[in-house]
Amino acid sequence: MTVKEHSNKLYGYAMRFLRNSEDAEDILQDVFEKLWINRKKVEVEKAKSWMFTTAHNAMLNLISKKSRVQLPGSDNLPEGTKKDVNKFESNEVVDRAVSILPPIQKSIILLRDLEGYSYEEIGDMLNLSSSQVKVYLFRARNKIKKQLKGLTELV
């Protein structure tokens, strides 16, 4: 197993989840540092799953930390408003719909639909059963559909 084998997929996952290249790079660096520290404990066959789990947990911790440290005058509203919807390309609209999902649903959507992992692999990465993964995926897709339907009604 090499760093190159997994770094692009891990970075892509972190980038889509966090939408910030510096934070995604920090997460990637953190994952590989933890892998090095735990190299004797992590089984080679489970290293990929361990890295994605570690990345997922690090991203949740980062989001939690950032939500506690708000700058004065900042707010949690997404960039843009209803009047800006016409400016977005379809991929940007879908990205926005995904970005407002709860973290677990967001991770599952990214891992399944964008990275192509199986239900079992996602379950291993996020410590869920494959049936839980399917339920979260179903709910996430429904939320995205509702968001997109709401946008088409505005246009």
N, C-alpha and C. Protein backbone atom coordinates (compact mmCIF):
# COMPACT_ATOMS: atom_id res chain seq x y z
N MET A 1 0.86 -1.18 0.00
CA MET A 1 0.00 0.00 0.00
C MET A 1 0.89 1.24 0.00
N THR A 2 0.56 2.18 -0.86
CA THR A 2 1.33 3.41 -0.91
C THR A 2 0.41 4.60 -0.66
N VAL A 3 1.04 5.70 -0.33
CA VAL A 3 0.30 6.94 -0.11
C VAL A 3 -0.43 7.35 -1.38
N LYS A 4 0.25 7.19 -2.52
CA LYS A 4 -0.33 7.61 -3.80
C LYS A 4 -1.62 6.85 -4.12
N GLU A 5 -1.70 5.59 -3.70
CA GLU A 5 -2.89 4.78 -4.00
C GLU A 5 -4.16 5.39 -3.41
N HIS A 6 -4.05 6.02 -2.26
CA HIS A 6 -5.25 6.48 -1.56
C HIS A 6 -5.35 7.99 -1.39
N SER A 7 -4.27 8.71 -1.59
CA SER A 7 -4.30 10.14 -1.30
C SER A 7 -5.28 10.91 -2.18
N ASN A 8 -5.39 10.58 -3.46
CA ASN A 8 -6.31 11.31 -4.33
C ASN A 8 -7.76 11.11 -3.92
N LYS A 9 -8.13 9.88 -3.61
CA LYS A 9 -9.52 9.61 -3.22
C LYS A 9 -9.83 10.23 -1.86
N LEU A 10 -8.89 10.13 -0.93
CA LEU A 10 -9.10 10.74 0.39
C LEU A 10 -9.21 12.26 0.26
N TYR A 11 -8.33 12.85 -0.54
CA TYR A 11 -8.38 14.30 -0.73
C TYR A 11 -9.70 14.71 -1.39
N GLY A 12 -10.11 13.98 -2.41
CA GLY A 12 -11.38 14.28 -3.10
C GLY A 12 -12.56 14.20 -2.14
N TYR A 13 -12.57 13.18 -1.31
CA TYR A 13 -13.63 13.02 -0.32
C TYR A 13 -13.63 14.20 0.65
N ALA A 14 -12.47 14.54 1.17
CA ALA A 14 -12.37 15.66 2.13
C ALA A 14 -12.73 16.98 1.46
N MET A 15 -12.30 17.16 0.23
CA MET A 15 -12.58 18.40 -0.48
C MET A 15 -14.08 18.57 -0.73
N ARG A 16 -14.74 17.50 -1.15
CA ARG A 16 -16.19 17.59 -1.38
C ARG A 16 -16.96 17.79 -0.08
N PHE A 17 -16.46 17.21 0.97
CA PHE A 17 -17.13 17.32 2.27
C PHE A 17 -16.93 18.71 2.86
N LEU A 18 -15.71 19.21 2.83
CA LEU A 18 -15.38 20.46 3.51
C LEU A 18 -15.47 21.70 2.61
N ARG A 19 -15.31 21.49 1.30
CA ARG A 19 -15.37 22.57 0.33
C ARG A 19 -14.30 23.64 0.61
N ASN A 20 -13.14 23.19 1.06
CA ASN A 20 -12.03 24.08 1.35
C ASN A 20 -10.73 23.29 1.15
N SER A 21 -9.91 23.71 0.20
CA SER A 21 -8.72 22.93 -0.14
C SER A 21 -7.70 22.87 0.99
N GLU A 22 -7.53 23.96 1.72
CA GLU A 22 -6.56 23.95 2.83
C GLU A 22 -7.00 22.99 3.93
N ASP A 23 -8.29 23.02 4.27
CA ASP A 23 -8.79 22.09 5.29
C ASP A 23 -8.68 20.65 4.81
N ALA A 24 -8.97 20.40 3.53
CA ALA A 24 -8.88 19.05 2.97
C ALA A 24 -7.43 18.55 3.02
N GLU A 25 -6.48 19.43 2.70
CA GLU A 25 -5.07 19.05 2.78
C GLU A 25 -4.66 18.75 4.22
N ASP A 26 -5.14 19.55 5.16
CA ASP A 26 -4.85 19.30 6.57
C ASP A 26 -5.39 17.96 7.02
N ILE A 27 -6.60 17.64 6.60
CA ILE A 27 -7.21 16.35 6.96
C ILE A 27 -6.38 15.21 6.39
N LEU A 28 -6.00 15.33 5.12
CA LEU A 28 -5.20 14.30 4.46
C LEU A 28 -3.88 14.09 5.20
N GLN A 29 -3.23 15.18 5.53
CA GLN A 29 -1.96 15.10 6.27
C GLN A 29 -2.17 14.44 7.62
N ASP A 30 -3.25 14.81 8.30
CA ASP A 30 -3.57 14.26 9.61
C ASP A 30 -3.80 12.75 9.52
N VAL A 31 -4.53 12.32 8.50
CA VAL A 31 -4.81 10.89 8.33
C VAL A 31 -3.53 10.10 8.14
N PHE A 32 -2.65 10.58 7.26
CA PHE A 32 -1.41 9.85 7.01
C PHE A 32 -0.46 9.90 8.21
N GLU A 33 -0.50 10.98 8.96
CA GLU A 33 0.30 11.04 10.18
C GLU A 33 -0.20 10.00 11.19
N LYS A 34 -1.53 9.93 11.36
CA LYS A 34 -2.09 8.95 12.29
C LYS A 34 -1.85 7.52 11.82
N LEU A 35 -1.89 7.32 10.50
CA LEU A 35 -1.59 6.00 9.97
C LEU A 35 -0.15 5.60 10.29
N TRP A 36 0.77 6.54 10.13
CA TRP A 36 2.16 6.25 10.44
C TRP A 36 2.33 5.91 11.93
N ILE A 37 1.70 6.70 12.76
CA ILE A 37 1.81 6.47 14.21
C ILE A 37 1.23 5.10 14.58
N ASN A 38 0.13 4.72 13.92
CA ASN A 38 -0.56 3.46 14.23
C ASN A 38 -0.22 2.33 13.26
N ARG A 39 0.87 2.46 12.52
CA ARG A 39 1.18 1.51 11.45
C ARG A 39 1.28 0.06 11.93
N LYS A 40 1.65 -0.16 13.16
CA LYS A 40 1.77 -1.53 13.67
C LYS A 40 0.41 -2.11 14.10
N LYS A 41 -0.56 -1.23 14.33
CA LYS A 41 -1.89 -1.66 14.77
C LYS A 41 -2.86 -1.84 13.63
N VAL A 42 -2.68 -1.11 12.54
CA VAL A 42 -3.62 -1.13 11.41
C VAL A 42 -3.28 -2.29 10.47
N GLU A 43 -4.25 -3.17 10.27
CA GLU A 43 -4.05 -4.29 9.35
C GLU A 43 -4.05 -3.76 7.91
N VAL A 44 -3.16 -4.29 7.10
CA VAL A 44 -3.02 -3.82 5.72
C VAL A 44 -4.34 -3.94 4.96
N GLU A 45 -5.06 -5.05 5.16
CA GLU A 45 -6.33 -5.26 4.46
C GLU A 45 -7.40 -4.24 4.85
N LYS A 46 -7.28 -3.69 6.03
CA LYS A 46 -8.28 -2.74 6.53
C LYS A 46 -7.77 -1.30 6.53
N ALA A 47 -6.63 -1.06 5.95
CA ALA A 47 -6.02 0.28 5.99
C ALA A 47 -6.89 1.32 5.28
N LYS A 48 -7.43 0.96 4.12
CA LYS A 48 -8.27 1.90 3.38
C LYS A 48 -9.48 2.32 4.20
N SER A 49 -10.15 1.36 4.76
CA SER A 49 -11.32 1.62 5.60
C SER A 49 -10.93 2.46 6.82
N TRP A 50 -9.80 2.12 7.43
CA TRP A 50 -9.32 2.85 8.60
C TRP A 50 -9.04 4.31 8.24
N MET A 51 -8.43 4.55 7.07
CA MET A 51 -8.11 5.92 6.66
C MET A 51 -9.37 6.75 6.41
N PHE A 52 -10.36 6.15 5.75
CA PHE A 52 -11.60 6.89 5.50
C PHE A 52 -12.35 7.16 6.80
N THR A 53 -12.34 6.21 7.71
CA THR A 53 -12.97 6.43 9.02
C THR A 53 -12.26 7.56 9.77
N THR A 54 -10.94 7.52 9.75
CA THR A 54 -10.15 8.56 10.41
C THR A 54 -10.41 9.93 9.78
N ALA A 55 -10.47 9.97 8.44
CA ALA A 55 -10.76 11.23 7.75
C ALA A 55 -12.14 11.74 8.11
N HIS A 56 -13.12 10.84 8.11
CA HIS A 56 -14.49 11.23 8.44
C HIS A 56 -14.55 11.83 9.85
N ASN A 57 -13.95 11.16 10.81
CA ASN A 57 -13.97 11.65 12.19
C ASN A 57 -13.21 12.97 12.33
N ALA A 58 -12.11 13.11 11.63
CA ALA A 58 -11.35 14.36 11.67
C ALA A 58 -12.15 15.51 11.08
N MET A 59 -12.90 15.23 10.00
CA MET A 59 -13.71 16.29 9.38
C MET A 59 -14.85 16.70 10.31
N LEU A 60 -15.47 15.74 10.98
CA LEU A 60 -16.53 16.07 11.94
C LEU A 60 -15.97 16.92 13.08
N ASN A 61 -14.78 16.55 13.56
CA ASN A 61 -14.14 17.34 14.62
C ASN A 61 -13.82 18.75 14.15
N LEU A 62 -13.34 18.88 12.93
CA LEU A 62 -13.02 20.19 12.38
C LEU A 62 -14.27 21.06 12.26
N ILE A 63 -15.34 20.48 11.75
CA ILE A 63 -16.59 21.23 11.62
C ILE A 63 -17.11 21.65 12.99
N SER A 64 -17.04 20.75 13.94
CA SER A 64 -17.49 21.06 15.30
C SER A 64 -16.66 22.20 15.89
N LYS A 65 -15.36 22.12 15.69
CA LYS A 65 -14.46 23.16 16.21
C LYS A 65 -14.76 24.51 15.55
N LYS A 66 -14.94 24.50 14.24
CA LYS A 66 -15.21 25.75 13.53
C LYS A 66 -16.57 26.34 13.92
N SER A 67 -17.54 25.50 14.22
CA SER A 67 -18.85 26.02 14.59
C SER A 67 -18.83 26.67 15.97
N ARG A 68 -17.90 26.24 16.81
CA ARG A 68 -17.76 26.86 18.13
C ARG A 68 -17.01 28.17 18.06
N VAL A 69 -16.16 28.34 17.06
CA VAL A 69 -15.35 29.54 16.91
C VAL A 69 -15.90 30.34 15.74
N GLN A 70 -16.89 31.17 16.01
CA GLN A 70 -17.49 32.02 14.98
C GLN A 70 -16.89 33.42 15.06
N LEU A 71 -16.54 33.94 13.95
CA LEU A 71 -16.03 35.31 13.92
C LEU A 71 -17.19 36.29 14.07
N PRO A 72 -16.98 37.43 14.70
CA PRO A 72 -18.05 38.41 14.82
C PRO A 72 -18.55 38.84 13.44
N GLY A 73 -19.85 38.88 13.32
CA GLY A 73 -20.45 39.29 12.06
C GLY A 73 -20.63 38.16 11.07
N SER A 74 -20.08 36.97 11.36
CA SER A 74 -20.27 35.86 10.42
C SER A 74 -21.58 35.15 10.76
N ASP A 75 -22.14 34.50 9.77
CA ASP A 75 -23.37 33.75 10.02
C ASP A 75 -23.29 32.43 9.28
N ASN A 76 -24.22 31.54 9.56
CA ASN A 76 -24.20 30.20 8.98
C ASN A 76 -25.03 30.09 7.72
N LEU A 77 -25.49 31.19 7.19
CA LEU A 77 -26.29 31.12 5.98
C LEU A 77 -25.43 30.68 4.81
N PRO A 78 -25.98 29.85 3.93
CA PRO A 78 -25.19 29.48 2.75
C PRO A 78 -24.96 30.69 1.87
N GLU A 79 -23.86 30.64 1.12
CA GLU A 79 -23.57 31.74 0.21
C GLU A 79 -24.68 31.83 -0.82
N GLY A 80 -25.11 33.01 -1.11
CA GLY A 80 -26.16 33.21 -2.12
C GLY A 80 -27.54 33.11 -1.51
N THR A 81 -28.50 33.62 -2.19
CA THR A 81 -29.88 33.56 -1.76
C THR A 81 -30.73 33.06 -2.90
N LYS A 82 -32.05 33.04 -2.70
CA LYS A 82 -32.95 32.54 -3.74
C LYS A 82 -32.79 33.30 -5.06
N LYS A 83 -32.52 34.59 -4.98
CA LYS A 83 -32.38 35.37 -6.22
C LYS A 83 -31.12 35.00 -6.99
N ASP A 84 -30.15 34.35 -6.30
CA ASP A 84 -28.90 33.95 -6.95
C ASP A 84 -28.99 32.59 -7.63
N VAL A 85 -30.08 31.87 -7.46
CA VAL A 85 -30.19 30.50 -7.96
C VAL A 85 -29.93 30.43 -9.46
N ASN A 86 -30.41 31.40 -10.21
CA ASN A 86 -30.24 31.36 -11.66
C ASN A 86 -28.78 31.48 -12.09
N LYS A 87 -27.91 31.92 -11.20
CA LYS A 87 -26.51 32.09 -11.55
C LYS A 87 -25.73 30.77 -11.50
N PHE A 88 -26.26 29.79 -10.81
CA PHE A 88 -25.51 28.55 -10.59
C PHE A 88 -25.68 27.57 -11.74
N GLU A 89 -24.63 26.85 -12.01
CA GLU A 89 -24.71 25.73 -12.93
C GLU A 89 -25.33 24.57 -12.16
N SER A 90 -25.80 23.55 -12.89
CA SER A 90 -26.46 22.44 -12.21
C SER A 90 -25.57 21.73 -11.21
N ASN A 91 -24.30 21.56 -11.50
CA ASN A 91 -23.41 20.90 -10.53
C ASN A 91 -23.30 21.70 -9.24
N GLU A 92 -23.26 23.01 -9.35
CA GLU A 92 -23.17 23.85 -8.16
C GLU A 92 -24.44 23.74 -7.33
N VAL A 93 -25.58 23.62 -7.99
CA VAL A 93 -26.84 23.48 -7.27
C VAL A 93 -26.86 22.15 -6.50
N VAL A 94 -26.41 21.09 -7.16
CA VAL A 94 -26.35 19.79 -6.49
C VAL A 94 -25.34 19.83 -5.35
N ASP A 95 -24.19 20.47 -5.57
CA ASP A 95 -23.19 20.60 -4.50
C ASP A 95 -23.78 21.31 -3.29
N ARG A 96 -24.55 22.34 -3.53
CA ARG A 96 -25.19 23.06 -2.42
C ARG A 96 -26.19 22.18 -1.70
N ALA A 97 -26.97 21.41 -2.45
CA ALA A 97 -27.95 20.52 -1.83
C ALA A 97 -27.23 19.48 -0.97
N VAL A 98 -26.12 18.96 -1.45
CA VAL A 98 -25.36 17.98 -0.68
C VAL A 98 -24.73 18.63 0.55
N SER A 99 -24.27 19.86 0.40
CA SER A 99 -23.56 20.52 1.50
C SER A 99 -24.44 20.77 2.73
N ILE A 100 -25.76 20.83 2.56
CA ILE A 100 -26.62 21.09 3.72
C ILE A 100 -27.10 19.82 4.41
N LEU A 101 -26.70 18.66 3.88
CA LEU A 101 -27.08 17.39 4.51
C LEU A 101 -26.37 17.24 5.86
N PRO A 102 -26.97 16.47 6.77
CA PRO A 102 -26.25 16.12 8.00
C PRO A 102 -24.95 15.39 7.64
N PRO A 103 -23.92 15.52 8.46
CA PRO A 103 -22.60 14.95 8.11
C PRO A 103 -22.61 13.48 7.70
N ILE A 104 -23.34 12.63 8.40
CA ILE A 104 -23.33 11.21 8.07
C ILE A 104 -23.94 10.97 6.70
N GLN A 105 -25.05 11.66 6.39
CA GLN A 105 -25.68 11.50 5.09
C GLN A 105 -24.77 12.06 3.98
N LYS A 106 -24.14 13.17 4.26
CA LYS A 106 -23.22 13.78 3.31
C LYS A 106 -22.08 12.82 2.98
N SER A 107 -21.51 12.22 4.00
CA SER A 107 -20.42 11.27 3.80
C SER A 107 -20.86 10.09 2.96
N ILE A 108 -22.03 9.56 3.26
CA ILE A 108 -22.51 8.39 2.53
C ILE A 108 -22.78 8.74 1.07
N ILE A 109 -23.41 9.88 0.82
CA ILE A 109 -23.66 10.31 -0.57
C ILE A 109 -22.33 10.44 -1.32
N LEU A 110 -21.35 11.09 -0.71
CA LEU A 110 -20.06 11.29 -1.36
C LEU A 110 -19.35 9.97 -1.62
N LEU A 111 -19.35 9.10 -0.62
CA LEU A 111 -18.65 7.82 -0.78
C LEU A 111 -19.35 6.90 -1.78
N ARG A 112 -20.67 6.89 -1.80
CA ARG A 112 -21.41 5.98 -2.69
C ARG A 112 -21.53 6.56 -4.10
N ASP A 113 -22.08 7.74 -4.21
CA ASP A 113 -22.41 8.28 -5.53
C ASP A 113 -21.23 8.92 -6.25
N LEU A 114 -20.29 9.47 -5.52
CA LEU A 114 -19.16 10.12 -6.17
C LEU A 114 -17.90 9.25 -6.19
N GLU A 115 -17.68 8.50 -5.14
CA GLU A 115 -16.48 7.66 -5.08
C GLU A 115 -16.75 6.22 -5.52
N GLY A 116 -18.02 5.78 -5.50
CA GLY A 116 -18.38 4.46 -6.00
C GLY A 116 -18.14 3.30 -5.05
N TYR A 117 -18.05 3.56 -3.76
CA TYR A 117 -17.84 2.48 -2.81
C TYR A 117 -19.13 1.69 -2.59
N SER A 118 -18.98 0.42 -2.23
CA SER A 118 -20.14 -0.43 -1.97
C SER A 118 -20.73 -0.10 -0.60
N TYR A 119 -21.94 -0.58 -0.35
CA TYR A 119 -22.59 -0.37 0.95
C TYR A 119 -21.73 -0.96 2.07
N GLU A 120 -21.16 -2.14 1.81
CA GLU A 120 -20.34 -2.80 2.83
C GLU A 120 -19.08 -2.00 3.13
N GLU A 121 -18.42 -1.48 2.07
CA GLU A 121 -17.21 -0.68 2.27
C GLU A 121 -17.52 0.59 3.06
N ILE A 122 -18.61 1.24 2.72
CA ILE A 122 -19.01 2.46 3.43
C ILE A 122 -19.33 2.12 4.88
N GLY A 123 -20.02 1.02 5.09
CA GLY A 123 -20.33 0.58 6.45
C GLY A 123 -19.06 0.37 7.26
N ASP A 124 -18.06 -0.25 6.65
CA ASP A 124 -16.79 -0.46 7.35
C ASP A 124 -16.12 0.87 7.67
N MET A 125 -16.15 1.80 6.73
CA MET A 125 -15.50 3.09 6.92
C MET A 125 -16.16 3.92 8.01
N LEU A 126 -17.50 3.83 8.09
CA LEU A 126 -18.24 4.69 9.02
C LEU A 126 -18.81 3.94 10.22
N ASN A 127 -18.41 2.69 10.36
CA ASN A 127 -18.88 1.86 11.47
C ASN A 127 -20.41 1.74 11.50
N LEU A 128 -20.98 1.42 10.34
CA LEU A 128 -22.42 1.23 10.20
C LEU A 128 -22.67 -0.10 9.53
N SER A 129 -23.87 -0.64 9.71
CA SER A 129 -24.24 -1.84 8.95
C SER A 129 -24.60 -1.41 7.53
N SER A 130 -24.58 -2.35 6.61
CA SER A 130 -24.93 -1.99 5.23
C SER A 130 -26.39 -1.56 5.13
N SER A 131 -27.25 -2.09 5.98
CA SER A 131 -28.66 -1.65 5.96
C SER A 131 -28.79 -0.21 6.48
N GLN A 132 -27.98 0.17 7.46
CA GLN A 132 -27.99 1.56 7.94
C GLN A 132 -27.50 2.49 6.83
N VAL A 133 -26.48 2.06 6.11
CA VAL A 133 -25.95 2.85 5.00
C VAL A 133 -27.06 3.08 3.98
N LYS A 134 -27.80 2.04 3.65
CA LYS A 134 -28.89 2.15 2.67
C LYS A 134 -29.97 3.12 3.14
N VAL A 135 -30.31 3.07 4.42
CA VAL A 135 -31.33 3.96 4.96
C VAL A 135 -30.86 5.41 4.91
N TYR A 136 -29.64 5.67 5.36
CA TYR A 136 -29.10 7.03 5.32
C TYR A 136 -29.00 7.54 3.88
N LEU A 137 -28.60 6.67 2.97
CA LEU A 137 -28.49 7.04 1.56
C LEU A 137 -29.87 7.40 0.99
N PHE A 138 -30.86 6.60 1.32
CA PHE A 138 -32.23 6.86 0.87
C PHE A 138 -32.71 8.22 1.38
N ARG A 139 -32.49 8.47 2.65
CA ARG A 139 -32.92 9.75 3.25
C ARG A 139 -32.17 10.93 2.64
N ALA A 140 -30.89 10.76 2.42
CA ALA A 140 -30.09 11.84 1.82
C ALA A 140 -30.56 12.16 0.42
N ARG A 141 -30.80 11.13 -0.36
CA ARG A 141 -31.27 11.36 -1.73
C ARG A 141 -32.63 12.03 -1.74
N ASN A 142 -33.49 11.65 -0.81
CA ASN A 142 -34.81 12.30 -0.73
C ASN A 142 -34.68 13.78 -0.37
N LYS A 143 -33.78 14.11 0.56
CA LYS A 143 -33.57 15.51 0.92
C LYS A 143 -33.05 16.31 -0.27
N ILE A 144 -32.14 15.71 -1.02
CA ILE A 144 -31.61 16.39 -2.20
C ILE A 144 -32.72 16.60 -3.23
N LYS A 145 -33.54 15.58 -3.43
CA LYS A 145 -34.65 15.71 -4.38
C LYS A 145 -35.59 16.84 -3.97
N LYS A 146 -35.90 16.93 -2.67
CA LYS A 146 -36.77 18.00 -2.19
C LYS A 146 -36.14 19.37 -2.42
N GLN A 147 -34.84 19.48 -2.17
CA GLN A 147 -34.14 20.74 -2.40
C GLN A 147 -34.19 21.12 -3.87
N LEU A 148 -33.92 20.16 -4.74
CA LEU A 148 -33.91 20.44 -6.17
C LEU A 148 -35.31 20.75 -6.68
N LYS A 149 -36.31 20.05 -6.14
CA LYS A 149 -37.69 20.31 -6.54
C LYS A 149 -38.09 21.72 -6.13
N GLY A 150 -37.70 22.13 -4.94
CA GLY A 150 -37.98 23.48 -4.47
C GLY A 150 -37.33 24.54 -5.37
N LEU A 151 -36.15 24.25 -5.85
CA LEU A 151 -35.47 25.21 -6.74
C LEU A 151 -36.15 25.31 -8.08
N THR A 152 -36.62 24.18 -8.63
CA THR A 152 -37.26 24.23 -9.94
C THR A 152 -38.60 24.95 -9.87
N GLU A 153 -39.24 24.90 -8.71
CA GLU A 153 -40.52 25.62 -8.54
C GLU A 153 -40.30 27.13 -8.48
N LEU A 154 -39.10 27.55 -8.06
CA LEU A 154 -38.80 28.98 -8.00
C LEU A 154 -38.52 29.57 -9.38
N VAL A 155 -38.03 28.74 -10.29
CA VAL A 155 -37.65 29.23 -11.61
C VAL A 155 -38.80 29.33 -12.54
